Protein backbone atom coordinates (compact mmCIF):
# COMPACT_ATOMS: atom_id res chain seq x y z
CA MET A 1 150.69 61.37 79.56
CA GLU A 2 152.79 62.24 82.59
CA GLN A 3 153.80 65.56 81.04
CA LYS A 4 150.15 66.40 80.31
CA SER A 5 149.16 65.55 83.88
CA LYS A 6 152.00 67.70 85.26
CA LYS A 7 150.96 70.60 83.04
CA ARG A 8 147.36 70.20 84.19
CA VAL A 9 148.45 70.19 87.84
CA LEU A 10 150.58 73.31 87.31
CA TYR A 11 147.72 74.97 85.43
CA ASP A 12 145.26 74.19 88.24
CA ARG A 13 147.67 75.45 90.89
CA GLY A 14 148.32 78.63 88.93
CA LEU A 15 144.60 79.34 88.57
CA ARG A 16 144.03 78.62 92.25
CA ILE A 17 146.83 80.98 93.26
CA LEU A 18 145.47 83.66 90.92
CA LEU A 19 142.02 83.20 92.42
CA TRP A 20 143.31 83.60 95.95
CA VAL A 21 145.35 86.67 94.98
CA CYS A 22 142.31 88.35 93.38
CA ALA A 23 140.10 87.48 96.35
CA SER A 24 142.72 88.81 98.79
CA ILE A 25 143.10 92.08 96.89
CA THR A 26 139.33 92.53 96.78
CA CYS A 27 138.93 91.87 100.51
CA LEU A 28 141.88 94.15 101.30
CA LEU A 29 140.42 97.01 99.28
CA LEU A 30 137.06 96.53 100.96
CA LEU A 31 138.61 96.56 104.43
CA LEU A 32 140.65 99.64 103.59
CA LEU A 33 137.54 101.45 102.35
CA ILE A 34 135.47 100.51 105.39
CA GLY A 35 138.33 101.37 107.74
CA TYR A 36 138.92 104.72 106.07
CA ILE A 37 135.24 105.65 106.43
CA PHE A 38 135.06 104.51 110.05
CA VAL A 39 138.30 106.25 111.06
CA ASN A 40 137.14 109.55 109.55
CA GLY A 41 133.47 109.14 110.43
CA PHE A 42 133.21 107.92 114.02
CA PRO A 43 135.06 110.87 115.63
CA ASN A 44 132.51 113.22 114.04
CA ILE A 45 129.43 111.35 115.28
CA THR A 46 128.04 113.24 118.24
CA TRP A 47 124.79 113.13 120.17
CA HIS A 48 124.00 116.63 118.95
CA LEU A 49 124.34 115.46 115.35
CA LEU A 50 122.01 112.51 115.91
CA SER A 51 119.34 114.27 118.00
CA THR A 52 118.79 117.65 116.32
CA GLU A 53 117.57 119.04 113.02
CA PRO A 54 119.62 121.41 110.86
CA SER A 55 119.08 125.14 111.23
CA PHE A 56 120.57 127.87 109.02
CA ARG A 57 119.48 130.50 111.54
CA ASN A 58 121.42 128.90 114.40
CA ASP A 59 124.13 127.52 112.09
CA THR A 60 123.68 123.99 113.42
CA ILE A 61 123.85 120.61 111.72
CA GLY A 62 121.64 117.66 112.65
CA ILE A 63 120.46 114.52 110.90
CA LEU A 64 117.56 113.37 113.10
CA PRO A 65 114.92 114.13 110.40
CA ASN A 66 117.01 112.30 107.80
CA LEU A 67 117.40 109.30 110.09
CA ILE A 68 113.64 109.13 110.69
CA ASN A 69 112.93 109.53 106.98
CA THR A 70 115.34 106.69 106.17
CA LEU A 71 113.72 104.32 108.66
CA CYS A 72 110.22 105.22 107.43
CA LEU A 73 111.30 104.65 103.83
CA ILE A 74 112.85 101.26 104.60
CA LEU A 75 109.91 100.09 106.72
CA GLY A 76 107.27 101.28 104.24
CA THR A 77 109.08 99.79 101.25
CA CYS A 78 109.64 96.42 102.91
CA LEU A 79 106.04 96.16 104.13
CA ILE A 80 104.87 96.46 100.53
CA VAL A 81 107.60 94.79 98.48
CA LEU A 82 108.25 91.68 100.60
CA PRO A 83 104.76 90.12 100.42
CA LEU A 84 104.28 91.36 96.86
CA GLY A 85 107.63 90.09 95.59
CA THR A 86 107.48 86.79 97.48
CA GLY A 87 103.90 86.17 96.36
CA ALA A 88 104.78 86.89 92.74
CA ALA A 89 107.77 84.54 92.91
CA VAL A 90 105.65 81.76 94.46
CA TYR A 91 103.01 82.14 91.78
CA LEU A 92 105.52 82.14 88.92
CA THR A 93 107.39 79.13 90.30
CA GLU A 94 104.61 76.96 91.72
CA TYR A 95 101.33 77.92 90.03
CA ALA A 96 101.99 79.45 86.60
CA LYS A 97 101.43 76.95 83.77
CA ASN A 98 102.46 78.97 80.71
CA LYS A 99 106.24 78.65 80.73
CA ARG A 100 106.64 81.09 77.85
CA VAL A 101 104.91 83.87 79.78
CA VAL A 102 106.97 83.04 82.87
CA SER A 103 110.22 83.29 80.88
CA VAL A 104 109.14 86.66 79.48
CA ILE A 105 108.37 87.95 82.99
CA GLU A 106 111.72 86.66 84.27
CA PHE A 107 113.55 88.36 81.41
CA ALA A 108 111.69 91.61 82.12
CA ALA A 109 112.57 91.40 85.82
CA GLU A 110 116.24 90.82 85.06
CA THR A 111 116.20 93.74 82.63
CA LEU A 112 114.60 96.05 85.19
CA THR A 113 117.33 95.30 87.73
CA GLY A 114 119.89 96.87 85.37
CA ILE A 115 118.05 100.12 84.67
CA PRO A 116 119.77 103.22 86.17
CA SER A 117 118.06 104.45 89.30
CA ILE A 118 117.67 107.99 88.00
CA LEU A 119 115.21 106.68 85.40
CA TYR A 120 113.12 105.22 88.20
CA GLY A 121 113.25 108.62 89.86
CA LEU A 122 112.02 110.39 86.73
CA VAL A 123 109.19 107.88 86.24
CA GLY A 124 108.25 108.13 89.93
CA MET A 125 108.24 111.92 89.75
CA LEU A 126 106.02 111.95 86.66
CA PHE A 127 103.59 109.29 87.91
CA PHE A 128 103.41 109.58 91.71
CA CYS A 129 104.34 113.24 92.20
CA GLU A 130 102.68 114.81 89.14
CA LEU A 131 99.95 112.46 87.86
CA LEU A 132 98.68 111.28 91.25
CA GLY A 133 99.32 114.68 92.83
CA TRP A 134 101.36 113.42 95.78
CA GLY A 135 104.12 115.96 95.23
CA GLY A 136 107.59 115.41 96.63
CA SER A 137 106.92 113.17 99.64
CA ILE A 138 108.14 110.11 101.49
CA ARG A 139 105.08 108.27 100.20
CA ALA A 140 106.15 108.86 96.60
CA GLY A 141 109.68 107.76 97.48
CA ILE A 142 108.37 104.54 99.07
CA PHE A 143 106.40 103.50 95.99
CA THR A 144 109.30 104.42 93.71
CA MET A 145 111.62 102.21 95.75
CA VAL A 146 109.02 99.42 95.66
CA ILE A 147 109.15 99.46 91.86
CA MET A 148 112.94 99.61 91.94
CA VAL A 149 113.62 96.67 94.29
CA LEU A 150 110.65 94.47 93.32
CA PRO A 151 112.51 92.73 90.43
CA THR A 152 115.39 91.88 92.76
CA ILE A 153 113.06 90.34 95.34
CA ILE A 154 111.23 88.34 92.68
CA ARG A 155 114.34 86.92 91.02
CA THR A 156 116.21 86.02 94.22
CA THR A 157 113.10 84.38 95.68
CA GLN A 158 112.46 82.49 92.45
CA GLU A 159 115.97 81.09 92.34
CA SER A 160 115.69 80.05 95.97
CA LEU A 161 112.36 78.32 95.35
CA LYS A 162 113.79 76.49 92.34
CA SER A 163 116.68 75.20 94.46
CA VAL A 164 114.28 73.22 96.69
CA PRO A 165 114.40 69.57 95.51
CA GLN A 166 111.29 68.37 93.70
CA SER A 167 111.27 65.28 95.90
CA TYR A 168 110.34 67.45 98.89
CA ARG A 169 107.22 68.62 97.09
CA GLU A 170 106.33 65.12 95.98
CA ALA A 171 106.80 63.73 99.49
CA ALA A 172 104.56 66.41 101.02
CA LEU A 173 101.86 65.88 98.40
CA GLY A 174 102.15 62.12 98.80
CA LEU A 175 101.42 62.45 102.54
CA GLY A 176 98.14 64.20 101.72
CA SER A 177 99.24 67.83 101.96
CA GLY A 178 97.49 70.39 99.83
CA LYS A 179 99.26 72.64 97.34
CA TRP A 180 99.34 75.76 99.51
CA HIS A 181 100.04 73.78 102.69
CA MET A 182 102.99 72.16 100.96
CA ILE A 183 104.34 75.53 99.83
CA ARG A 184 103.84 77.14 103.24
CA THR A 185 105.30 74.33 105.37
CA VAL A 186 107.95 72.80 103.09
CA VAL A 187 109.00 75.01 100.19
CA LEU A 188 109.11 78.42 101.86
CA PRO A 189 111.04 77.29 105.00
CA CYS A 190 113.62 75.58 102.78
CA SER A 191 114.05 78.71 100.66
CA ILE A 192 114.02 81.27 103.46
CA GLU A 193 117.75 81.97 103.06
CA GLY A 194 117.25 83.14 99.47
CA ILE A 195 114.34 85.33 100.52
CA VAL A 196 116.47 86.89 103.25
CA THR A 197 119.25 87.46 100.71
CA GLY A 198 116.85 89.36 98.47
CA PHE A 199 115.67 91.35 101.47
CA ILE A 200 119.26 92.29 102.36
CA LEU A 201 119.98 93.37 98.78
CA ALA A 202 116.81 95.48 98.83
CA ILE A 203 117.82 97.17 102.10
CA GLY A 204 121.26 97.94 100.70
CA ARG A 205 119.80 99.53 97.59
CA ILE A 206 117.31 101.59 99.60
CA LEU A 207 119.99 102.84 101.98
CA GLY A 208 122.37 103.80 99.21
CA GLU A 209 119.85 105.38 96.87
CA SER A 210 119.93 109.14 96.40
CA ALA A 211 119.26 110.01 92.74
CA ALA A 212 115.74 108.55 92.57
CA LEU A 213 114.79 109.93 95.99
CA LEU A 214 115.89 113.45 95.11
CA PHE A 215 113.18 113.50 92.41
CA THR A 216 110.45 111.87 94.50
CA ALA A 217 111.01 112.19 98.26
CA GLY A 218 112.89 115.49 98.11
CA SER A 219 115.66 116.77 100.34
CA ALA A 220 113.89 118.58 103.22
CA SER A 221 115.23 118.08 106.76
CA VAL A 222 112.31 119.09 108.96
CA LEU A 223 110.77 117.11 111.81
CA SER A 224 107.07 116.30 111.42
CA ASN A 225 104.50 115.99 114.19
CA SER A 226 102.96 112.67 113.09
CA LEU A 227 103.60 109.65 110.90
CA GLN A 228 100.96 110.74 108.41
CA GLN A 229 102.53 114.16 108.09
CA THR A 230 105.94 112.54 107.62
CA LEU A 231 104.68 110.33 104.78
CA ASN A 232 102.90 113.21 103.03
CA SER A 233 105.71 115.74 103.32
CA SER A 234 109.06 116.09 101.60
CA GLY A 235 111.99 114.50 103.39
CA GLY A 236 115.58 113.65 102.55
CA THR A 237 117.13 110.35 103.61
CA LEU A 238 120.63 109.89 105.00
CA SER A 239 122.11 109.25 101.56
CA VAL A 240 120.46 112.40 100.21
CA ALA A 241 121.71 114.36 103.24
CA LEU A 242 125.23 113.05 102.62
CA TYR A 243 125.07 114.27 99.04
CA MET A 244 123.70 117.68 100.03
CA TYR A 245 126.18 118.30 102.85
CA VAL A 246 129.22 117.31 100.79
CA SER A 247 128.30 118.79 97.40
CA GLU A 248 126.53 121.99 98.43
CA ARG A 249 127.97 122.88 101.84
CA GLY A 250 131.39 121.25 101.65
CA GLU A 251 130.95 119.52 105.02
CA LEU A 252 133.25 116.55 104.41
CA GLN A 253 133.43 115.57 108.08
CA VAL A 254 129.65 115.41 108.31
CA GLY A 255 129.64 113.36 105.12
CA PHE A 256 132.05 110.83 106.66
CA ALA A 257 129.89 110.68 109.79
CA ILE A 258 126.73 109.99 107.78
CA ALA A 259 128.56 107.35 105.71
CA ALA A 260 129.65 105.57 108.91
CA ILE A 261 126.09 105.73 110.26
CA LEU A 262 124.75 104.26 107.00
CA MET A 263 127.19 101.36 107.20
CA VAL A 264 126.31 100.63 110.83
CA LEU A 265 122.60 100.88 110.06
CA ALA A 266 122.96 98.50 107.10
CA LEU A 267 124.87 96.04 109.31
CA LEU A 268 122.21 96.15 112.05
CA LEU A 269 119.35 95.68 109.58
CA ASN A 270 121.16 92.77 107.92
CA ILE A 271 121.73 91.10 111.30
CA CYS A 272 118.05 91.54 112.15
CA ALA A 273 117.07 90.04 108.80
CA LYS A 274 119.37 87.05 109.34
CA VAL A 275 118.02 86.45 112.85
CA ALA A 276 114.42 86.69 111.66
CA GLY A 277 115.17 84.33 108.77
CA THR A 278 116.74 81.78 111.13
CA LYS A 279 113.71 81.88 113.44
CA LEU A 280 111.31 81.48 110.52
CA LYS A 281 113.31 78.54 109.20
CA ARG A 282 113.04 76.79 112.54
């Protein structure tokens, strides 16, 4: 018995050491990657790069149109997908009675999260750009990204809603609260962290997407005069601009600068999401 217990202790210690080694290597690689991008990217970030548009005639490089297109894409996608995804998750978790249909929908959502993004781009191009006649535009890119990140929002919100103890619901209903009042005042505040997590994952996928947006939003880098014109015209995001500058023009330094800007932008948006989630929880 003592030998078995010693072997078990050694086995547990070995697995724990292996776990810490793997975690350390992963964190080290991540830090090296982030540091490499920042070291090569920040020296190339200039005010001229951030405040101008590219011009072949003047041989200048600027990413202001791409930055505006990225913010419009993120804002438009989140305004549509957050209420839609959260509402769908609330209905499937709290209201739906047919468990078989719910399981089928959950399986479909999980399957959609694993589909390559270029397929979403092809479907978005055929449906939004060709069938609806929107052409290559930010509007088509927004709705394509809505379809792409909607399954992620639904599944993360569902899992967060399911983690709320059933006793909380029973206590609220026992005090005379209605179904929707209980969901709005008890269930959603308790699951706000999962909703914010889904939101952060959605932002990360939108910021890093390029293949689907090349087919739907396009790659133009021209400033528009109004928001409506921006949504209805072709426009490349920062990730698309990174791809175009590096692959077609060989501007590696500009590519590093855009990569650093994308990482900083993702960090700022995630911090804003966390702060908003904390305020909503309170």
